[in-house]
N, C-alpha and C. Protein backbone atom coordinates (compact mmCIF):
# COMPACT_ATOMS: atom_id res chain seq x y z
N MET A 1 -101.31 -93.19 -162.41
CA MET A 1 -100.67 -92.78 -161.19
C MET A 1 -101.44 -91.63 -160.54
N THR A 2 -101.82 -90.67 -161.36
CA THR A 2 -102.56 -89.53 -160.84
C THR A 2 -103.90 -89.96 -160.25
N ALA A 3 -104.57 -90.90 -160.92
CA ALA A 3 -105.87 -91.39 -160.43
C ALA A 3 -105.70 -92.13 -159.10
N LEU A 4 -104.65 -92.92 -158.99
CA LEU A 4 -104.41 -93.64 -157.73
C LEU A 4 -104.13 -92.66 -156.59
N GLU A 5 -103.29 -91.66 -156.86
CA GLU A 5 -102.98 -90.67 -155.83
C GLU A 5 -104.22 -89.89 -155.42
N ALA A 6 -105.03 -89.51 -156.39
CA ALA A 6 -106.24 -88.73 -156.11
C ALA A 6 -107.24 -89.50 -155.27
N SER A 7 -107.25 -90.82 -155.41
CA SER A 7 -108.20 -91.64 -154.65
C SER A 7 -107.62 -92.14 -153.34
N GLY A 8 -106.40 -91.71 -152.99
CA GLY A 8 -105.79 -92.12 -151.72
C GLY A 8 -105.24 -93.53 -151.75
N GLU A 9 -104.97 -94.05 -152.94
CA GLU A 9 -104.50 -95.42 -153.08
C GLU A 9 -102.99 -95.55 -153.17
N VAL A 10 -102.26 -94.45 -152.89
CA VAL A 10 -100.79 -94.48 -152.92
C VAL A 10 -100.26 -93.95 -151.60
N GLN A 11 -99.29 -94.66 -151.04
CA GLN A 11 -98.61 -94.21 -149.84
C GLN A 11 -97.15 -93.99 -150.20
N THR A 12 -96.71 -92.73 -150.21
CA THR A 12 -95.33 -92.41 -150.56
C THR A 12 -94.40 -92.75 -149.41
N ILE A 13 -93.33 -93.45 -149.73
CA ILE A 13 -92.33 -93.84 -148.73
C ILE A 13 -91.02 -93.16 -149.13
N ASP A 14 -90.63 -92.14 -148.36
CA ASP A 14 -89.41 -91.38 -148.65
C ASP A 14 -88.18 -91.92 -147.92
N GLN A 15 -88.39 -92.81 -146.96
CA GLN A 15 -87.27 -93.41 -146.23
C GLN A 15 -86.49 -94.32 -147.17
N GLU A 16 -85.16 -94.32 -147.06
CA GLU A 16 -84.34 -95.17 -147.93
C GLU A 16 -84.69 -96.64 -147.73
N VAL A 17 -84.87 -97.33 -148.86
CA VAL A 17 -85.14 -98.77 -148.84
C VAL A 17 -84.19 -99.47 -149.81
N ASP A 18 -83.82 -100.68 -149.49
CA ASP A 18 -82.94 -101.47 -150.34
C ASP A 18 -83.77 -102.17 -151.40
N TRP A 19 -83.40 -102.01 -152.66
CA TRP A 19 -84.17 -102.58 -153.77
C TRP A 19 -84.13 -104.09 -153.76
N GLN A 20 -83.06 -104.66 -153.20
CA GLN A 20 -82.88 -106.10 -153.26
C GLN A 20 -83.52 -106.81 -152.05
N LEU A 21 -83.56 -106.14 -150.92
CA LEU A 21 -84.00 -106.82 -149.70
C LEU A 21 -85.32 -106.31 -149.13
N GLU A 22 -85.61 -105.05 -149.28
CA GLU A 22 -86.74 -104.48 -148.55
C GLU A 22 -87.98 -104.20 -149.39
N ILE A 23 -87.82 -103.75 -150.61
CA ILE A 23 -88.98 -103.33 -151.40
C ILE A 23 -90.00 -104.45 -151.54
N GLY A 24 -89.57 -105.63 -151.90
CA GLY A 24 -90.49 -106.76 -152.08
C GLY A 24 -91.24 -107.09 -150.80
N ALA A 25 -90.53 -107.05 -149.67
CA ALA A 25 -91.16 -107.36 -148.39
C ALA A 25 -92.21 -106.32 -148.01
N VAL A 26 -91.90 -105.04 -148.25
CA VAL A 26 -92.85 -103.98 -147.92
C VAL A 26 -94.09 -104.08 -148.82
N ILE A 27 -93.87 -104.36 -150.11
CA ILE A 27 -95.00 -104.50 -151.03
C ILE A 27 -95.90 -105.66 -150.57
N ARG A 28 -95.30 -106.77 -150.25
CA ARG A 28 -96.09 -107.93 -149.81
C ARG A 28 -96.85 -107.62 -148.53
N HIS A 29 -96.21 -106.95 -147.59
CA HIS A 29 -96.87 -106.60 -146.34
C HIS A 29 -98.01 -105.61 -146.59
N SER A 30 -97.80 -104.65 -147.46
CA SER A 30 -98.86 -103.70 -147.81
C SER A 30 -100.05 -104.43 -148.43
N TYR A 31 -99.76 -105.38 -149.30
CA TYR A 31 -100.81 -106.17 -149.95
C TYR A 31 -101.59 -106.97 -148.91
N ASP A 32 -100.86 -107.62 -148.00
CA ASP A 32 -101.51 -108.43 -146.96
C ASP A 32 -102.40 -107.59 -146.06
N LEU A 33 -102.01 -106.35 -145.81
CA LEU A 33 -102.77 -105.45 -144.94
C LEU A 33 -103.88 -104.70 -145.69
N CYS A 34 -103.98 -104.92 -147.00
CA CYS A 34 -104.92 -104.16 -147.84
C CYS A 34 -104.66 -102.67 -147.71
N ALA A 35 -103.38 -102.31 -147.67
CA ALA A 35 -102.97 -100.91 -147.54
C ALA A 35 -102.81 -100.30 -148.94
N PRO A 36 -102.78 -98.98 -149.02
CA PRO A 36 -102.53 -98.34 -150.33
C PRO A 36 -101.19 -98.79 -150.91
N ALA A 37 -101.06 -98.71 -152.22
CA ALA A 37 -99.84 -99.13 -152.90
C ALA A 37 -98.66 -98.26 -152.45
N PRO A 38 -97.55 -98.87 -152.05
CA PRO A 38 -96.39 -98.08 -151.64
C PRO A 38 -95.65 -97.53 -152.86
N LEU A 39 -95.27 -96.26 -152.76
CA LEU A 39 -94.45 -95.62 -153.79
C LEU A 39 -93.11 -95.27 -153.15
N PHE A 40 -92.08 -95.99 -153.56
CA PHE A 40 -90.75 -95.80 -152.99
C PHE A 40 -90.01 -94.74 -153.78
N THR A 41 -89.53 -93.70 -153.09
CA THR A 41 -88.87 -92.59 -153.77
C THR A 41 -87.38 -92.49 -153.46
N ASN A 42 -86.89 -93.29 -152.50
CA ASN A 42 -85.50 -93.21 -152.06
C ASN A 42 -84.92 -94.62 -152.02
N ILE A 43 -84.43 -95.09 -153.17
CA ILE A 43 -84.00 -96.47 -153.32
C ILE A 43 -82.48 -96.54 -153.25
N THR A 44 -81.97 -97.41 -152.41
CA THR A 44 -80.53 -97.59 -152.25
C THR A 44 -79.87 -97.80 -153.62
N ASP A 45 -78.78 -97.11 -153.85
CA ASP A 45 -78.00 -97.14 -155.09
C ASP A 45 -78.65 -96.38 -156.24
N TYR A 46 -79.84 -95.80 -156.03
CA TYR A 46 -80.52 -95.08 -157.11
C TYR A 46 -80.96 -93.68 -156.70
N GLN A 47 -80.41 -93.16 -155.60
CA GLN A 47 -80.73 -91.80 -155.18
C GLN A 47 -80.31 -90.81 -156.25
N GLY A 48 -81.14 -89.81 -156.47
CA GLY A 48 -80.82 -88.75 -157.41
C GLY A 48 -80.99 -89.10 -158.87
N THR A 49 -81.50 -90.29 -159.17
CA THR A 49 -81.68 -90.71 -160.57
C THR A 49 -83.10 -90.47 -161.06
N GLY A 50 -84.03 -90.23 -160.15
CA GLY A 50 -85.42 -90.05 -160.54
C GLY A 50 -86.20 -91.36 -160.57
N PHE A 51 -85.52 -92.48 -160.37
CA PHE A 51 -86.22 -93.76 -160.36
C PHE A 51 -87.08 -93.90 -159.12
N ARG A 52 -88.28 -94.40 -159.32
CA ARG A 52 -89.20 -94.69 -158.22
C ARG A 52 -89.80 -96.06 -158.49
N VAL A 53 -90.33 -96.70 -157.44
CA VAL A 53 -90.98 -97.99 -157.60
C VAL A 53 -92.37 -97.90 -156.98
N LEU A 54 -93.37 -98.30 -157.76
CA LEU A 54 -94.75 -98.37 -157.27
C LEU A 54 -95.10 -99.83 -157.12
N GLY A 55 -95.43 -100.24 -155.90
CA GLY A 55 -95.74 -101.64 -155.65
C GLY A 55 -97.22 -101.94 -155.55
N ALA A 56 -97.65 -103.00 -156.19
CA ALA A 56 -99.01 -103.52 -156.11
C ALA A 56 -100.09 -102.49 -156.42
N PRO A 57 -99.98 -101.76 -157.55
CA PRO A 57 -101.00 -100.76 -157.86
C PRO A 57 -102.36 -101.36 -158.18
N GLY A 58 -102.40 -102.63 -158.54
CA GLY A 58 -103.66 -103.29 -158.87
C GLY A 58 -104.36 -103.91 -157.68
N ALA A 59 -103.73 -103.88 -156.53
CA ALA A 59 -104.35 -104.43 -155.32
C ALA A 59 -105.42 -103.47 -154.82
N THR A 60 -106.34 -103.99 -154.06
CA THR A 60 -107.43 -103.16 -153.54
C THR A 60 -107.20 -102.91 -152.06
N SER A 61 -107.13 -101.65 -151.67
CA SER A 61 -106.93 -101.34 -150.26
C SER A 61 -108.27 -101.23 -149.55
N LYS A 62 -108.23 -101.13 -148.24
CA LYS A 62 -109.44 -100.97 -147.44
C LYS A 62 -110.16 -99.67 -147.78
N ARG A 63 -109.43 -98.71 -148.33
CA ARG A 63 -110.02 -97.42 -148.68
C ARG A 63 -110.82 -97.49 -149.98
N SER A 64 -110.59 -98.53 -150.78
CA SER A 64 -111.21 -98.61 -152.10
C SER A 64 -112.72 -98.75 -152.03
N THR A 65 -113.37 -97.89 -152.79
CA THR A 65 -114.81 -97.98 -152.96
C THR A 65 -115.10 -97.47 -154.35
N PRO A 66 -115.60 -98.22 -155.24
CA PRO A 66 -115.89 -99.64 -155.14
C PRO A 66 -114.63 -100.51 -155.28
N THR A 67 -114.83 -101.82 -155.24
CA THR A 67 -113.72 -102.76 -155.28
C THR A 67 -112.81 -102.57 -156.48
N TRP A 68 -113.34 -102.11 -157.58
CA TRP A 68 -112.57 -102.00 -158.81
C TRP A 68 -111.72 -100.75 -158.90
N ARG A 69 -111.73 -99.87 -157.91
CA ARG A 69 -111.04 -98.57 -158.06
C ARG A 69 -109.58 -98.71 -158.46
N ALA A 70 -108.80 -99.47 -157.72
CA ALA A 70 -107.37 -99.59 -158.05
C ALA A 70 -107.17 -100.27 -159.39
N ARG A 71 -107.94 -101.32 -159.64
CA ARG A 71 -107.81 -102.02 -160.92
C ARG A 71 -108.23 -101.13 -162.08
N SER A 72 -109.27 -100.34 -161.89
CA SER A 72 -109.75 -99.51 -162.98
C SER A 72 -108.71 -98.48 -163.41
N SER A 73 -107.92 -98.00 -162.47
CA SER A 73 -106.93 -96.99 -162.81
C SER A 73 -105.78 -97.58 -163.61
N THR A 74 -105.60 -98.89 -163.56
CA THR A 74 -104.53 -99.52 -164.33
C THR A 74 -105.04 -100.16 -165.61
N THR A 75 -106.36 -100.17 -165.82
CA THR A 75 -106.92 -100.81 -167.01
C THR A 75 -107.76 -99.86 -167.86
N ALA A 76 -107.74 -98.58 -167.56
CA ALA A 76 -108.48 -97.56 -168.31
C ALA A 76 -109.99 -97.69 -168.17
N CYS A 77 -110.45 -98.33 -167.10
CA CYS A 77 -111.88 -98.41 -166.82
C CYS A 77 -112.27 -97.24 -165.95
N SER A 78 -113.54 -96.96 -165.90
CA SER A 78 -114.04 -95.94 -164.99
C SER A 78 -113.92 -96.45 -163.56
N PRO A 79 -113.60 -95.58 -162.60
CA PRO A 79 -113.54 -96.01 -161.19
C PRO A 79 -114.87 -96.52 -160.66
N THR A 80 -115.96 -96.26 -161.37
CA THR A 80 -117.27 -96.72 -160.92
C THR A 80 -117.67 -98.04 -161.55
N THR A 81 -116.77 -98.63 -162.34
CA THR A 81 -117.06 -99.92 -162.96
C THR A 81 -117.30 -100.97 -161.90
N THR A 82 -118.40 -101.69 -162.01
CA THR A 82 -118.71 -102.73 -161.05
C THR A 82 -118.95 -104.09 -161.71
N ARG A 83 -119.02 -104.12 -163.03
CA ARG A 83 -119.29 -105.37 -163.73
C ARG A 83 -118.11 -105.73 -164.64
N THR A 84 -117.79 -107.01 -164.70
CA THR A 84 -116.69 -107.42 -165.57
C THR A 84 -117.04 -107.19 -167.03
N ALA A 85 -118.35 -107.11 -167.35
CA ALA A 85 -118.75 -106.85 -168.74
C ALA A 85 -118.32 -105.45 -169.17
N ASP A 86 -118.06 -104.54 -168.21
CA ASP A 86 -117.64 -103.18 -168.54
C ASP A 86 -116.14 -103.06 -168.79
N VAL A 87 -115.40 -104.12 -168.50
CA VAL A 87 -113.94 -104.09 -168.64
C VAL A 87 -113.59 -104.31 -170.10
N PRO A 88 -112.76 -103.43 -170.68
CA PRO A 88 -112.41 -103.58 -172.11
C PRO A 88 -111.55 -104.81 -172.37
């Protein structure tokens, strides 16, 4: 999570969203736009519980350089990994 935030691959969404109707649609739209992964912090029925939802952290946004940046942060690879042979 820290690596994604540091590389600009997370977009925090503080506006209330419905877990049943909106989160999936926003994640899909973010993925389609190659946008940073949305981090929902204000989920209907879960306010004040500390629960958050991070959508599509393995997707690659337009900001990603190199292509493996988002994937590397979720697979313990270096952000500079460019070859599949380097993936554990």
